[in-house]
Each structure stands twice: as C-alpha cells, then as structure tokens.
C-alpha cells in the first residue's frame, strides 16, 4: 500500500490520516505534526480509482457501498495499521479521516477497535448498522458534521454516533452550520479533542 510517512519522536504517538474521495496521501499528512506534536504520521493512499478520483473502497452510487469490497479492504487496512503500530511501537494510536477516509476508518474501528485509542471522523457516511463491537468500550471518538451536508445527512451522523455510544465509545459530536466542506471550527474541535 502506498503511503506517506513522517517519523516522529521515539515513544511518540502514531497518527494515521485517511483522505477523502479525490484526495491523496498528502491531503492531511502535513497537518499531523501540528495536531499531534512528536507523532509518527502515516497517510495511506486509497487504492480504488473512481473516474480519476482515489477512494478506499468501491461504491455503485453515493451512499451505496460495495459491501464485499468494503469488508475486504477493511481487513487489508486493519493489517496495514497493525503493521504501522508494530513498526513504530506507539501505544497511543489516533486515526483521522475525512468523508470516504472517515468511512474506511469507521469500518476498521468497528472491525478492530483494539487498533485505535482515538478516532476523528470528519463527515462520515455509514449507511448501515455495523455489528456489535464491544472492544469500543472506552475508546474516544470525535465526529464532526455539517448541518446542511448534502452527502452525509444529519440523521445518519446521529445514527453512527448513537451506535458508537451503545458500544461504550466516548463520543464527542461537533456540528457546524454548513455542508460537506471542512469548517474552521472543526480544526479547533480536533485540536481540543487531541490535546
């Protein structure tokens, strides 16, 4: 898997960033040291090409996912994350994903909650209910969303938040008044969450 890597301090946390549709491994990579000083930053590139736009898994339309492909790529990404944890020796592991990147991160989080201590999901769209994941107990999750997001309806954001809470995750929900773009208030919410 192609990824950008920046080495952090010995014993530092590990931050994995996951780009949105049409982005690449550079989309959030440079923000890593500002969000988590001293962190090892690893940013994988989505391997699915949708009409020239990179994604982490296939879909047939907006919000209609190829669930077999998602399951297969979730396992592969979990293995990748586990390898990066072993390589860096990090005990604090933070995932940060936007849009499609938030979706693959949420899928890995549900399948392998042991991998991450914290997750930041920017505008996730999970149009299904994942199976129970008791390993999420005590894991910290920040979800940010736009109240007028045409891609991620607020009710689906709330359904994901509710599901995470029923699994025992400690959820922080941050809303802004606009759409699918990342609002400046989300960066502030991220900094406060990760501080």
C-alpha atoms as a PDB file:
ATOM      1  CA  UNK A   1       0.000   0.000   0.000  1.00  0.00           C
ATOM      2  CA  UNK A   2       1.384   3.411  -0.970  1.00  0.00           C
ATOM      3  CA  UNK A   3       1.628   5.790   1.988  1.00  0.00           C
ATOM      4  CA  UNK A   4       3.372   8.967   3.093  1.00  0.00           C
ATOM      5  CA  UNK A   5       5.373   8.575   6.309  1.00  0.00           C
ATOM      6  CA  UNK A   6       6.940  11.124   8.622  1.00  0.00           C
ATOM      7  CA  UNK A   7       8.874   9.764  11.572  1.00  0.00           C
ATOM      8  CA  UNK A   8       8.136  11.245  14.985  1.00  0.00           C
ATOM      9  CA  UNK A   9       9.942  11.194  18.279  1.00  0.00           C
ATOM     10  CA  UNK A  10      10.919   7.941  19.956  1.00  0.00           C
ATOM     11  CA  UNK A  11       7.945   6.815  22.022  1.00  0.00           C
ATOM     12  CA  UNK A  12       5.679   9.299  20.247  1.00  0.00           C
ATOM     13  CA  UNK A  13       2.076   8.612  19.259  1.00  0.00           C
ATOM     14  CA  UNK A  14       1.067   7.320  15.833  1.00  0.00           C
ATOM     15  CA  UNK A  15      -1.358   9.377  13.723  1.00  0.00           C
ATOM     16  CA  UNK A  16      -2.894   7.780  10.640  1.00  0.00           C
ATOM     17  CA  UNK A  17      -4.703  10.109   8.222  1.00  0.00           C
ATOM     18  CA  UNK A  18      -7.197   8.978   5.588  1.00  0.00           C
ATOM     19  CA  UNK A  19      -8.054  11.274   2.684  1.00  0.00           C
ATOM     20  CA  UNK A  20     -11.450  11.961   1.160  1.00  0.00           C
ATOM     21  CA  UNK A  21     -12.625  10.953  -2.320  1.00  0.00           C
ATOM     22  CA  UNK A  22     -10.422  12.656  -4.872  1.00  0.00           C
ATOM     23  CA  UNK A  23      -7.677  13.380  -2.351  1.00  0.00           C
ATOM     24  CA  UNK A  24      -4.451  11.500  -1.813  1.00  0.00           C
ATOM     25  CA  UNK A  25      -1.972  10.717   0.934  1.00  0.00           C
ATOM     26  CA  UNK A  26      -0.886  14.351   1.065  1.00  0.00           C
ATOM     27  CA  UNK A  27      -4.321  15.765   1.917  1.00  0.00           C
ATOM     28  CA  UNK A  28      -3.872  15.742   5.695  1.00  0.00           C
ATOM     29  CA  UNK A  29      -0.335  14.435   6.107  1.00  0.00           C
ATOM     30  CA  UNK A  30       1.256  17.833   6.698  1.00  0.00           C
ATOM     31  CA  UNK A  31      -1.232  18.670   9.453  1.00  0.00           C
ATOM     32  CA  UNK A  32      -0.079  15.759  11.576  1.00  0.00           C
ATOM     33  CA  UNK A  33       2.769  17.466  13.457  1.00  0.00           C
ATOM     34  CA  UNK A  34       0.513  20.430  14.302  1.00  0.00           C
ATOM     35  CA  UNK A  35      -2.290  18.226  15.596  1.00  0.00           C
ATOM     36  CA  UNK A  36      -0.050  15.799  17.477  1.00  0.00           C
ATOM     37  CA  UNK A  37       3.458  17.192  18.054  1.00  0.00           C
ATOM     38  CA  UNK A  38       6.106  14.494  18.035  1.00  0.00           C
ATOM     39  CA  UNK A  39       3.819  11.952  16.361  1.00  0.00           C
ATOM     40  CA  UNK A  40       4.730   9.454  13.701  1.00  0.00           C
ATOM     41  CA  UNK A  41       2.394  10.363  10.817  1.00  0.00           C
ATOM     42  CA  UNK A  42       1.321   7.759   8.269  1.00  0.00           C
ATOM     43  CA  UNK A  43      -1.103   8.543   5.439  1.00  0.00           C
ATOM     44  CA  UNK A  44      -2.151   5.676   3.154  1.00  0.00           C
ATOM     45  CA  UNK A  45      -3.410   6.250  -0.374  1.00  0.00           C
ATOM     46  CA  UNK A  46      -6.782   4.809  -1.395  1.00  0.00           C
ATOM     47  CA  UNK A  47      -6.368   2.074  -3.995  1.00  0.00           C
ATOM     48  CA  UNK A  48      -9.717   2.425  -5.769  1.00  0.00           C
ATOM     49  CA  UNK A  49      -9.824   4.747  -8.775  1.00  0.00           C
ATOM     50  CA  UNK A  50     -13.312   6.112  -9.394  1.00  0.00           C
ATOM     51  CA  UNK A  51     -13.224   8.140 -12.626  1.00  0.00           C
ATOM     52  CA  UNK A  52      -9.809   9.519 -11.718  1.00  0.00           C
ATOM     53  CA  UNK A  53     -10.607  10.048  -8.018  1.00  0.00           C
ATOM     54  CA  UNK A  54      -8.909   7.923  -5.361  1.00  0.00           C
ATOM     55  CA  UNK A  55     -11.074   6.166  -2.760  1.00  0.00           C
ATOM     56  CA  UNK A  56     -10.589   3.471  -0.138  1.00  0.00           C
ATOM     57  CA  UNK A  57     -13.382   1.147  -1.330  1.00  0.00           C
ATOM     58  CA  UNK A  58     -15.832   0.761  -4.196  1.00  0.00           C
ATOM     59  CA  UNK A  59     -19.391   2.057  -4.395  1.00  0.00           C
ATOM     60  CA  UNK A  60     -22.116   1.985  -7.039  1.00  0.00           C
ATOM     61  CA  UNK A  61     -23.542   5.407  -6.118  1.00  0.00           C
ATOM     62  CA  UNK A  62     -23.403   8.000  -3.330  1.00  0.00           C
ATOM     63  CA  UNK A  63     -24.136   6.137  -0.106  1.00  0.00           C
ATOM     64  CA  UNK A  64     -24.477   2.742  -1.858  1.00  0.00           C
ATOM     65  CA  UNK A  65     -21.374   0.757  -0.989  1.00  0.00           C
ATOM     66  CA  UNK A  66     -19.953  -2.442  -2.400  1.00  0.00           C
ATOM     67  CA  UNK A  67     -20.110  -4.213   0.956  1.00  0.00           C
ATOM     68  CA  UNK A  68     -17.922  -7.142  -0.120  1.00  0.00           C
ATOM     69  CA  UNK A  69     -15.231  -4.754  -1.287  1.00  0.00           C
ATOM     70  CA  UNK A  70     -15.559  -2.699   1.892  1.00  0.00           C
ATOM     71  CA  UNK A  71     -15.165  -5.841   4.021  1.00  0.00           C
ATOM     72  CA  UNK A  72     -12.080  -6.963   2.069  1.00  0.00           C
ATOM     73  CA  UNK A  73     -10.442  -3.544   2.173  1.00  0.00           C
ATOM     74  CA  UNK A  74     -11.277  -3.129   5.866  1.00  0.00           C
ATOM     75  CA  UNK A  75      -9.278  -6.279   6.646  1.00  0.00           C
ATOM     76  CA  UNK A  76      -6.384  -5.069   4.477  1.00  0.00           C
ATOM     77  CA  UNK A  77      -6.370  -1.636   6.114  1.00  0.00           C
ATOM     78  CA  UNK A  78      -6.539  -3.148   9.607  1.00  0.00           C
ATOM     79  CA  UNK A  79      -3.490  -5.260   8.744  1.00  0.00           C
ATOM     80  CA  UNK A  80      -1.714  -2.151   7.436  1.00  0.00           C
ATOM     81  CA  UNK A  81      -2.490  -0.220  10.636  1.00  0.00           C
ATOM     82  CA  UNK A  82      -1.338  -3.133  12.807  1.00  0.00           C
ATOM     83  CA  UNK A  83       1.925  -3.191  10.848  1.00  0.00           C
ATOM     84  CA  UNK A  84       2.491   0.526  11.417  1.00  0.00           C
ATOM     85  CA  UNK A  85       1.802   0.115  15.147  1.00  0.00           C
ATOM     86  CA  UNK A  86       4.359  -2.693  15.298  1.00  0.00           C
ATOM     87  CA  UNK A  87       6.874  -0.640  13.280  1.00  0.00           C
ATOM     88  CA  UNK A  88       6.612   2.480  15.451  1.00  0.00           C
ATOM     89  CA  UNK A  89       5.914   0.830  18.811  1.00  0.00           C
ATOM     90  CA  UNK A  90       3.302   3.510  19.524  1.00  0.00           C
ATOM     91  CA  UNK A  91       0.909   2.997  22.420  1.00  0.00           C
ATOM     92  CA  UNK A  92      -1.296   5.981  21.522  1.00  0.00           C
ATOM     93  CA  UNK A  93      -2.787   5.460  18.062  1.00  0.00           C
ATOM     94  CA  UNK A  94      -5.042   8.099  16.519  1.00  0.00           C
ATOM     95  CA  UNK A  95      -6.974   7.772  13.274  1.00  0.00           C
ATOM     96  CA  UNK A  96      -8.191  10.843  11.380  1.00  0.00           C
ATOM     97  CA  UNK A  97     -10.339  10.511   8.277  1.00  0.00           C
ATOM     98  CA  UNK A  98     -12.472  12.792   6.126  1.00  0.00           C
ATOM     99  CA  UNK A  99     -15.511  11.663   4.119  1.00  0.00           C
ATOM    100  CA  UNK A 100     -14.512   8.401   2.379  1.00  0.00           C
ATOM    101  CA  UNK A 101     -11.442   8.322   4.628  1.00  0.00           C
ATOM    102  CA  UNK A 102     -13.695   8.642   7.678  1.00  0.00           C
ATOM    103  CA  UNK A 103     -15.770   5.761   6.332  1.00  0.00           C
ATOM    104  CA  UNK A 104     -12.842   3.342   5.998  1.00  0.00           C
ATOM    105  CA  UNK A 105     -11.597   4.464   9.412  1.00  0.00           C
ATOM    106  CA  UNK A 106     -15.037   3.849  10.971  1.00  0.00           C
ATOM    107  CA  UNK A 107     -15.168   0.418   9.326  1.00  0.00           C
ATOM    108  CA  UNK A 108     -11.718  -0.522  10.664  1.00  0.00           C
ATOM    109  CA  UNK A 109     -12.654   0.880  14.069  1.00  0.00           C
ATOM    110  CA  UNK A 110     -15.762  -1.332  14.170  1.00  0.00           C
ATOM    111  CA  UNK A 111     -13.889  -4.424  12.974  1.00  0.00           C
ATOM    112  CA  UNK A 112     -10.687  -3.928  15.026  1.00  0.00           C
ATOM    113  CA  UNK A 113     -11.377  -1.490  17.886  1.00  0.00           C
ATOM    114  CA  UNK A 114      -8.166  -2.623  19.587  1.00  0.00           C
ATOM    115  CA  UNK A 115      -6.080  -0.781  16.995  1.00  0.00           C
ATOM    116  CA  UNK A 116      -7.005   2.809  17.861  1.00  0.00           C
ATOM    117  CA  UNK A 117      -7.070   4.696  21.142  1.00  0.00           C
ATOM    118  CA  UNK A 118      -8.830   7.656  19.483  1.00  0.00           C
ATOM    119  CA  UNK A 119     -10.533   8.378  16.171  1.00  0.00           C
ATOM    120  CA  UNK A 120     -11.536  11.603  14.435  1.00  0.00           C
ATOM    121  CA  UNK A 121     -14.306  11.100  11.867  1.00  0.00           C
ATOM    122  CA  UNK A 122     -14.878  14.183   9.691  1.00  0.00           C
ATOM    123  CA  UNK A 123     -18.190  13.923   7.833  1.00  0.00           C
ATOM    124  CA  UNK A 124     -18.567  10.135   7.923  1.00  0.00           C
ATOM    125  CA  UNK A 125     -21.347   8.417   5.980  1.00  0.00           C
ATOM    126  CA  UNK A 126     -22.107   4.936   7.314  1.00  0.00           C
ATOM    127  CA  UNK A 127     -25.484   3.995   5.750  1.00  0.00           C
ATOM    128  CA  UNK A 128     -25.673   0.660   7.591  1.00  0.00           C
ATOM    129  CA  UNK A 129     -25.521  -0.556  11.186  1.00  0.00           C
ATOM    130  CA  UNK A 130     -22.207  -2.303  11.925  1.00  0.00           C
ATOM    131  CA  UNK A 131     -22.218  -5.469  14.028  1.00  0.00           C
ATOM    132  CA  UNK A 132     -21.666  -5.047  17.762  1.00  0.00           C
ATOM    133  CA  UNK A 133     -18.080  -4.154  18.692  1.00  0.00           C
ATOM    134  CA  UNK A 134     -17.692  -4.453  22.487  1.00  0.00           C
ATOM    135  CA  UNK A 135     -13.990  -3.614  22.133  1.00  0.00           C
ATOM    136  CA  UNK A 136     -15.007   0.025  21.553  1.00  0.00           C
ATOM    137  CA  UNK A 137     -15.659   0.416  25.281  1.00  0.00           C
ATOM    138  CA  UNK A 138     -13.754   3.493  26.459  1.00  0.00           C
ATOM    139  CA  UNK A 139     -12.390   4.441  23.026  1.00  0.00           C
ATOM    140  CA  UNK A 140     -12.602   8.191  22.334  1.00  0.00           C
ATOM    141  CA  UNK A 141     -14.245   9.259  19.075  1.00  0.00           C
ATOM    142  CA  UNK A 142     -14.798  12.747  17.675  1.00  0.00           C
ATOM    143  CA  UNK A 143     -17.400  13.104  14.916  1.00  0.00           C
ATOM    144  CA  UNK A 144     -17.714  16.387  13.048  1.00  0.00           C
ATOM    145  CA  UNK A 145     -20.514  17.145  10.614  1.00  0.00           C
ATOM    146  CA  UNK A 146     -22.335  19.871   8.724  1.00  0.00           C
ATOM    147  CA  UNK A 147     -25.977  20.530   9.473  1.00  0.00           C
ATOM    148  CA  UNK A 148     -26.596  21.125   5.749  1.00  0.00           C
ATOM    149  CA  UNK A 149     -24.325  18.407   4.386  1.00  0.00           C
ATOM    150  CA  UNK A 150     -25.962  17.052   1.182  1.00  0.00           C
ATOM    151  CA  UNK A 151     -23.722  13.953   1.200  1.00  0.00           C
ATOM    152  CA  UNK A 152     -23.940  12.959   4.877  1.00  0.00           C
ATOM    153  CA  UNK A 153     -27.462  13.602   6.190  1.00  0.00           C
ATOM    154  CA  UNK A 154     -27.543  14.624   9.876  1.00  0.00           C
ATOM    155  CA  UNK A 155     -29.776  11.671  10.781  1.00  0.00           C
ATOM    156  CA  UNK A 156     -27.113   9.215   9.574  1.00  0.00           C
ATOM    157  CA  UNK A 157     -24.461  11.100  11.537  1.00  0.00           C
ATOM    158  CA  UNK A 158     -26.642  10.750  14.633  1.00  0.00           C
ATOM    159  CA  UNK A 159     -27.234   7.050  13.938  1.00  0.00           C
ATOM    160  CA  UNK A 160     -23.478   6.423  13.816  1.00  0.00           C
ATOM    161  CA  UNK A 161     -22.933   8.472  16.976  1.00  0.00           C
ATOM    162  CA  UNK A 162     -25.697   6.554  18.773  1.00  0.00           C
ATOM    163  CA  UNK A 163     -24.278   3.216  17.633  1.00  0.00           C
ATOM    164  CA  UNK A 164     -20.809   4.126  18.902  1.00  0.00           C
ATOM    165  CA  UNK A 165     -22.247   5.166  22.251  1.00  0.00           C
ATOM    166  CA  UNK A 166     -24.165   1.890  22.599  1.00  0.00           C
ATOM    167  CA  UNK A 167     -20.818   0.123  22.108  1.00  0.00           C
ATOM    168  CA  UNK A 168     -19.355   2.084  25.011  1.00  0.00           C
ATOM    169  CA  UNK A 169     -17.287   4.567  22.998  1.00  0.00           C
ATOM    170  CA  UNK A 170     -16.830   8.057  24.427  1.00  0.00           C
ATOM    171  CA  UNK A 171     -18.257  10.196  21.625  1.00  0.00           C
ATOM    172  CA  UNK A 172     -17.800  13.929  21.124  1.00  0.00           C
ATOM    173  CA  UNK A 173     -20.064  15.367  18.413  1.00  0.00           C
ATOM    174  CA  UNK A 174     -19.268  18.693  16.748  1.00  0.00           C
ATOM    175  CA  UNK A 175     -21.698  20.358  14.329  1.00  0.00           C
ATOM    176  CA  UNK A 176     -21.263  23.360  12.091  1.00  0.00           C
ATOM    177  CA  UNK A 177     -23.925  25.170  10.078  1.00  0.00           C
ATOM    178  CA  UNK A 178     -22.640  24.426   6.574  1.00  0.00           C
ATOM    179  CA  UNK A 179     -22.218  21.474   4.232  1.00  0.00           C
ATOM    180  CA  UNK A 180     -19.629  18.827   3.386  1.00  0.00           C
ATOM    181  CA  UNK A 181     -16.583  21.102   3.410  1.00  0.00           C
ATOM    182  CA  UNK A 182     -14.347  21.245   6.467  1.00  0.00           C
ATOM    183  CA  UNK A 183     -15.238  24.283   8.568  1.00  0.00           C
ATOM    184  CA  UNK A 184     -12.553  26.135  10.609  1.00  0.00           C
ATOM    185  CA  UNK A 185     -14.427  25.180  13.778  1.00  0.00           C
ATOM    186  CA  UNK A 186     -13.685  21.524  13.029  1.00  0.00           C
ATOM    187  CA  UNK A 187      -9.934  22.142  13.248  1.00  0.00           C
ATOM    188  CA  UNK A 188     -10.486  23.770  16.630  1.00  0.00           C
ATOM    189  CA  UNK A 189     -12.588  20.799  17.747  1.00  0.00           C
ATOM    190  CA  UNK A 190      -9.838  18.412  16.611  1.00  0.00           C
ATOM    191  CA  UNK A 191      -7.131  20.319  18.454  1.00  0.00           C
ATOM    192  CA  UNK A 192      -9.175  20.357  21.658  1.00  0.00           C
ATOM    193  CA  UNK A 193     -10.048  16.673  21.323  1.00  0.00           C
ATOM    194  CA  UNK A 194      -6.448  15.594  20.769  1.00  0.00           C
ATOM    195  CA  UNK A 195      -4.840  17.944  23.298  1.00  0.00           C
END
